[in-house]
Amino acid sequence: MKKKRNKDFFNPFYNRTWHRYIALTIVIVMIVALIAAFSLPMLNF
């Protein structure tokens, strides 16, 4: 519960979470693009 330990733990974890969030956003965008590509022709027809 020490401030020094919290800072040491938060710095690497924050960087890792950032990378994970970026990867998740990319995956979500790809999935949304695929759904849009499949749904657009279905809506037209």
PDB file of N, CA and C in Angstrom:
ATOM      1  N   MET A   1       0.836  -1.211   0.000  1.00  0.00           N
ATOM      2  CA  MET A   1       0.000   0.000   0.000  1.00  0.00           C
ATOM      3  C   MET A   1       0.875   1.268   0.000  1.00  0.00           C
ATOM      4  N   LYS A   2       2.178   1.084  -0.217  1.00  0.00           N
ATOM      5  CA  LYS A   2       3.104   2.229  -0.220  1.00  0.00           C
ATOM      6  C   LYS A   2       3.009   2.981  -1.543  1.00  0.00           C
ATOM      7  N   LYS A   3       3.263   4.296  -1.474  1.00  0.00           N
ATOM      8  CA  LYS A   3       3.183   5.132  -2.680  1.00  0.00           C
ATOM      9  C   LYS A   3       4.265   4.740  -3.686  1.00  0.00           C
ATOM     10  N   LYS A   4       5.478   4.459  -3.203  1.00  0.00           N
ATOM     11  CA  LYS A   4       6.583   4.086  -4.095  1.00  0.00           C
ATOM     12  C   LYS A   4       6.242   2.814  -4.866  1.00  0.00           C
ATOM     13  N   ARG A   5       5.717   1.811  -4.159  1.00  0.00           N
ATOM     14  CA  ARG A   5       5.358   0.540  -4.815  1.00  0.00           C
ATOM     15  C   ARG A   5       4.258   0.767  -5.849  1.00  0.00           C
ATOM     16  N   ASN A   6       3.249   1.551  -5.476  1.00  0.00           N
ATOM     17  CA  ASN A   6       2.147   1.840  -6.402  1.00  0.00           C
ATOM     18  C   ASN A   6       2.662   2.465  -7.691  1.00  0.00           C
ATOM     19  N   LYS A   7       3.566   3.452  -7.559  1.00  0.00           N
ATOM     20  CA  LYS A   7       4.116   4.124  -8.742  1.00  0.00           C
ATOM     21  C   LYS A   7       4.891   3.129  -9.597  1.00  0.00           C
ATOM     22  N   ASP A   8       5.723   2.297  -8.961  1.00  0.00           N
ATOM     23  CA  ASP A   8       6.512   1.298  -9.703  1.00  0.00           C
ATOM     24  C   ASP A   8       5.597   0.313 -10.426  1.00  0.00           C
ATOM     25  N   PHE A   9       4.511  -0.087  -9.771  1.00  0.00           N
ATOM     26  CA  PHE A   9       3.591  -1.062 -10.377  1.00  0.00           C
ATOM     27  C   PHE A   9       2.748  -0.423 -11.480  1.00  0.00           C
ATOM     28  N   PHE A  10       2.340   0.831 -11.260  1.00  0.00           N
ATOM     29  CA  PHE A  10       1.439   1.500 -12.210  1.00  0.00           C
ATOM     30  C   PHE A  10       2.122   1.844 -13.529  1.00  0.00           C
ATOM     31  N   ASN A  11       3.393   2.274 -13.491  1.00  0.00           N
ATOM     32  CA  ASN A  11       4.073   2.692 -14.725  1.00  0.00           C
ATOM     33  C   ASN A  11       4.120   1.595 -15.783  1.00  0.00           C
ATOM     34  N   PRO A  12       4.645   0.385 -15.499  1.00  0.00           N
ATOM     35  CA  PRO A  12       4.665  -0.673 -16.524  1.00  0.00           C
ATOM     36  C   PRO A  12       3.260  -1.152 -16.877  1.00  0.00           C
ATOM     37  N   PHE A  13       2.371  -1.242 -15.869  1.00  0.00           N
ATOM     38  CA  PHE A  13       1.005  -1.715 -16.119  1.00  0.00           C
ATOM     39  C   PHE A  13       0.253  -0.738 -17.015  1.00  0.00           C
ATOM     40  N   TYR A  14       0.472   0.573 -16.788  1.00  0.00           N
ATOM     41  CA  TYR A  14      -0.200   1.597 -17.602  1.00  0.00           C
ATOM     42  C   TYR A  14       0.210   1.462 -19.063  1.00  0.00           C
ATOM     43  N   ASN A  15       1.523   1.257 -19.298  1.00  0.00           N
ATOM     44  CA  ASN A  15       2.019   1.084 -20.671  1.00  0.00           C
ATOM     45  C   ASN A  15       1.403  -0.158 -21.300  1.00  0.00           C
ATOM     46  N   ARG A  16       1.351  -1.253 -20.544  1.00  0.00           N
ATOM     47  CA  ARG A  16       0.786  -2.512 -21.057  1.00  0.00           C
ATOM     48  C   ARG A  16      -0.696  -2.346 -21.381  1.00  0.00           C
ATOM     49  N   THR A  17      -1.429  -1.671 -20.492  1.00  0.00           N
ATOM     50  CA  THR A  17      -2.863  -1.468 -20.721  1.00  0.00           C
ATOM     51  C   THR A  17      -3.069  -0.627 -21.975  1.00  0.00           C
ATOM     52  N   TRP A  18      -2.210   0.395 -22.167  1.00  0.00           N
ATOM     53  CA  TRP A  18      -2.311   1.244 -23.369  1.00  0.00           C
ATOM     54  C   TRP A  18      -2.166   0.393 -24.616  1.00  0.00           C
ATOM     55  N   HIS A  19      -1.128  -0.481 -24.641  1.00  0.00           N
ATOM     56  CA  HIS A  19      -0.906  -1.349 -25.806  1.00  0.00           C
ATOM     57  C   HIS A  19      -2.097  -2.284 -26.009  1.00  0.00           C
ATOM     58  N   ARG A  20      -2.632  -2.802 -24.918  1.00  0.00           N
ATOM     59  CA  ARG A  20      -3.790  -3.711 -25.003  1.00  0.00           C
ATOM     60  C   ARG A  20      -5.003  -2.976 -25.558  1.00  0.00           C
ATOM     61  N   TYR A  21      -5.237  -1.742 -25.083  1.00  0.00           N
ATOM     62  CA  TYR A  21      -6.385  -0.951 -25.558  1.00  0.00           C
ATOM     63  C   TYR A  21      -6.254  -0.635 -27.039  1.00  0.00           C
ATOM     64  N   ILE A  22      -5.017  -0.312 -27.478  1.00  0.00           N
ATOM     65  CA  ILE A  22      -4.775  -0.025 -28.900  1.00  0.00           C
ATOM     66  C   ILE A  22      -5.088  -1.274 -29.725  1.00  0.00           C
ATOM     67  N   ALA A  23      -4.624  -2.443 -29.258  1.00  0.00           N
ATOM     68  CA  ALA A  23      -4.867  -3.707 -29.966  1.00  0.00           C
ATOM     69  C   ALA A  23      -6.368  -3.994 -30.008  1.00  0.00           C
ATOM     70  N   LEU A  24      -7.062  -3.776 -28.894  1.00  0.00           N
ATOM     71  CA  LEU A  24      -8.512  -4.017 -28.827  1.00  0.00           C
ATOM     72  C   LEU A  24      -9.259  -3.106 -29.788  1.00  0.00           C
ATOM     73  N   THR A  25      -8.872  -1.827 -29.835  1.00  0.00           N
ATOM     74  CA  THR A  25      -9.536  -0.879 -30.738  1.00  0.00           C
ATOM     75  C   THR A  25      -9.347  -1.295 -32.187  1.00  0.00           C
ATOM     76  N   ILE A  26      -8.130  -1.748 -32.538  1.00  0.00           N
ATOM     77  CA  ILE A  26      -7.839  -2.189 -33.915  1.00  0.00           C
ATOM     78  C   ILE A  26      -8.722  -3.391 -34.257  1.00  0.00           C
ATOM     79  N   VAL A  27      -8.816  -4.349 -33.339  1.00  0.00           N
ATOM     80  CA  VAL A  27      -9.628  -5.557 -33.549  1.00  0.00           C
ATOM     81  C   VAL A  27     -11.101  -5.167 -33.721  1.00  0.00           C
ATOM     82  N   ILE A  28     -11.592  -4.265 -32.863  1.00  0.00           N
ATOM     83  CA  ILE A  28     -12.994  -3.821 -32.928  1.00  0.00           C
ATOM     84  C   ILE A  28     -13.266  -3.138 -34.263  1.00  0.00           C
ATOM     85  N   VAL A  29     -12.340  -2.275 -34.704  1.00  0.00           N
ATOM     86  CA  VAL A  29     -12.498  -1.570 -35.987  1.00  0.00           C
ATOM     87  C   VAL A  29     -12.562  -2.571 -37.131  1.00  0.00           C
ATOM     88  N   MET A  30     -11.690  -3.600 -37.092  1.00  0.00           N
ATOM     89  CA  MET A  30     -11.674  -4.626 -38.142  1.00  0.00           C
ATOM     90  C   MET A  30     -12.998  -5.380 -38.164  1.00  0.00           C
ATOM     91  N   ILE A  31     -13.510  -5.753 -36.976  1.00  0.00           N
ATOM     92  CA  ILE A  31     -14.778  -6.493 -36.871  1.00  0.00           C
ATOM     93  C   ILE A  31     -15.922  -5.625 -37.404  1.00  0.00           C
ATOM     94  N   VAL A  32     -15.931  -4.342 -37.013  1.00  0.00           N
ATOM     95  CA  VAL A  32     -16.978  -3.412 -37.466  1.00  0.00           C
ATOM     96  C   VAL A  32     -16.930  -3.273 -38.984  1.00  0.00           C
ATOM     97  N   ALA A  33     -15.712  -3.185 -39.544  1.00  0.00           N
ATOM     98  CA  ALA A  33     -15.548  -3.064 -40.999  1.00  0.00           C
ATOM     99  C   ALA A  33     -16.091  -4.311 -41.700  1.00  0.00           C
ATOM    100  N   LEU A  34     -15.795  -5.488 -41.145  1.00  0.00           N
ATOM    101  CA  LEU A  34     -16.284  -6.748 -41.724  1.00  0.00           C
ATOM    102  C   LEU A  34     -17.810  -6.809 -41.663  1.00  0.00           C
ATOM    103  N   ILE A  35     -18.386  -6.446 -40.512  1.00  0.00           N
ATOM    104  CA  ILE A  35     -19.849  -6.456 -40.341  1.00  0.00           C
ATOM    105  C   ILE A  35     -20.484  -5.487 -41.341  1.00  0.00           C
ATOM    106  N   ALA A  36     -19.891  -4.293 -41.495  1.00  0.00           N
ATOM    107  CA  ALA A  36     -20.411  -3.290 -42.435  1.00  0.00           C
ATOM    108  C   ALA A  36     -20.349  -3.825 -43.863  1.00  0.00           C
ATOM    109  N   ALA A  37     -19.235  -4.461 -44.228  1.00  0.00           N
ATOM    110  CA  ALA A  37     -19.064  -5.008 -45.581  1.00  0.00           C
ATOM    111  C   ALA A  37     -20.131  -6.069 -45.869  1.00  0.00           C
ATOM    112  N   PHE A  38     -20.457  -6.894 -44.860  1.00  0.00           N
ATOM    113  CA  PHE A  38     -21.459  -7.950 -45.049  1.00  0.00           C
ATOM    114  C   PHE A  38     -22.889  -7.410 -44.962  1.00  0.00           C
ATOM    115  N   SER A  39     -23.108  -6.380 -44.129  1.00  0.00           N
ATOM    116  CA  SER A  39     -24.461  -5.850 -43.910  1.00  0.00           C
ATOM    117  C   SER A  39     -24.905  -4.916 -45.035  1.00  0.00           C
ATOM    118  N   LEU A  40     -23.979  -4.160 -45.633  1.00  0.00           N
ATOM    119  CA  LEU A  40     -24.345  -3.204 -46.697  1.00  0.00           C
ATOM    120  C   LEU A  40     -25.020  -3.897 -47.878  1.00  0.00           C
ATOM    121  N   PRO A  41     -24.447  -4.971 -48.459  1.00  0.00           N
ATOM    122  CA  PRO A  41     -25.135  -5.655 -49.561  1.00  0.00           C
ATOM    123  C   PRO A  41     -26.469  -6.267 -49.127  1.00  0.00           C
ATOM    124  N   MET A  42     -26.540  -6.756 -47.888  1.00  0.00           N
ATOM    125  CA  MET A  42     -27.788  -7.341 -47.375  1.00  0.00           C
ATOM    126  C   MET A  42     -28.881  -6.269 -47.311  1.00  0.00           C
ATOM    127  N   LEU A  43     -28.526  -5.064 -46.868  1.00  0.00           N
ATOM    128  CA  LEU A  43     -29.500  -3.969 -46.780  1.00  0.00           C
ATOM    129  C   LEU A  43     -29.930  -3.523 -48.174  1.00  0.00           C
ATOM    130  N   ASN A  44     -28.990  -3.491 -49.116  1.00  0.00           N
ATOM    131  CA  ASN A  44     -29.308  -3.086 -50.497  1.00  0.00           C
ATOM    132  C   ASN A  44     -30.286  -4.075 -51.129  1.00  0.00           C
ATOM    133  N   PHE A  45     -30.029  -5.370 -50.929  1.00  0.00           N
ATOM    134  CA  PHE A  45     -30.908  -6.421 -51.449  1.00  0.00           C
ATOM    135  C   PHE A  45     -32.040  -6.653 -50.464  1.00  0.00           C
TER     136      PHE A  45
END
